[in-house]
């Protein structure tokens, strides 16, 4: 049987994340063959032991060989945390309390500051807080707290692949993927209302991201409220990921909703450049009977508490405040403009997003349904890394992130991207 046969089915049946495929599988690919000599595996999420996708195999080689490939694949930003945060870390690094366990819900000073932030900035007046080791851990905590294996859950395509994987990893196989409006990429509330009324038992949880990852769209407040009302009437939980709350452009606005069926997730990673520090938080309804107690059980068995030194840094970030974040976000406007123009060979109707978060979403020409092959060709031929839309539930598309690049780097990336798209349309994937 071998060790592979003794692994958990829920792990084996979980999609391999794109980032892991590129970065982790690539650790053994330092002497990888050139792309033309690498075997093509038709299923990029193949579960057979030892399988490597052509994309992961080649791109990992690019990373390990330190080639200059502009980073348009990973959802991150180029800036580091504010000085207030880093100074806070210097001050507390030697304190004994920094090396001890903290309270499950988070550093008291931090949770108090977050409750105040939720009230004043997000208009959430009846929410408690639990600090987690990143909002990804927060989402997994919620899945374990709210869902049983037999439950059904709802996502909208294009979805955040880690959310989909969290359901898979916990054994939830009945994942209902709803459509988004093809023009706006906004979640289809009519479909949701029909699905929640017709499906028995009613789906336990509905998950959305606002502003959207990977879509880069902002959900208008009336639509967000309608989705919340639909979930409330159906007695379904609504989980809203607000990781990009400060990343809004061109007059768009980020809003939150509250209710005893609503749970909001937030993150320090993108806004404050704290990706590696791993701090996020759950804002849960104080009116939801028993929810806090069950969340504490899950937290105690996964992380106990978020890293203490990271929580101290997060407190320093709040001292710098959201105005500091908005200054950083303004620097991304030029990046967004450059990459939107670079995508123009695809046609205006093919380009979506750019309203919020750090993403653009683009449809490839119809004759290229295998977006993994296109992504791999771009890496080899034109030196840019892109995320395939199939990882987010919509094949034949790509996600482009503009948060990791400074303007001068983005200019290089945009030039390569446009050149590649023009060649793809004119000649195909040649060379």
Foldseek 3Di string as FASTA:
>chain_A
DDPVVVDDPLVLPFFDFPVCLQAVVLVPQLVPDPLVPDDADQDCRDSPPPDHHSLSNHNNNCVNVVPDFQDFADQAFADAFDPLLVVLLVVCVPPPVLVDFDAQQADVVLQVLVQVCCCPPAVANFWGKRKFQAVLVVLLLCCVLFDDLDAEEEEEPLADLSNVSSCSNRNNDRYHYAYADLQARHGDLVVVLVQQVPDPPGHAEYEAEAVHVPFQHHDDPVRQVSSVVSCVVSVHAYEYEDAFQLFFDDPDHHHDDDDQRYKYKYGCCHLRVCVVQRIIMIIHGPPNPPSVVSSCVSSCVPPSGRNSSSSSSVSSSVVVNSVVSNVLSVQLPLLLVLQLVLPCVQPPSQWGHPRGRFKIKGAAPPVCQAVSVVQSLLCNPQRYHWAASVSSPGTRMIMTGRRNDGNVSSNSVSVSSSVSNVCCVVPNSDD
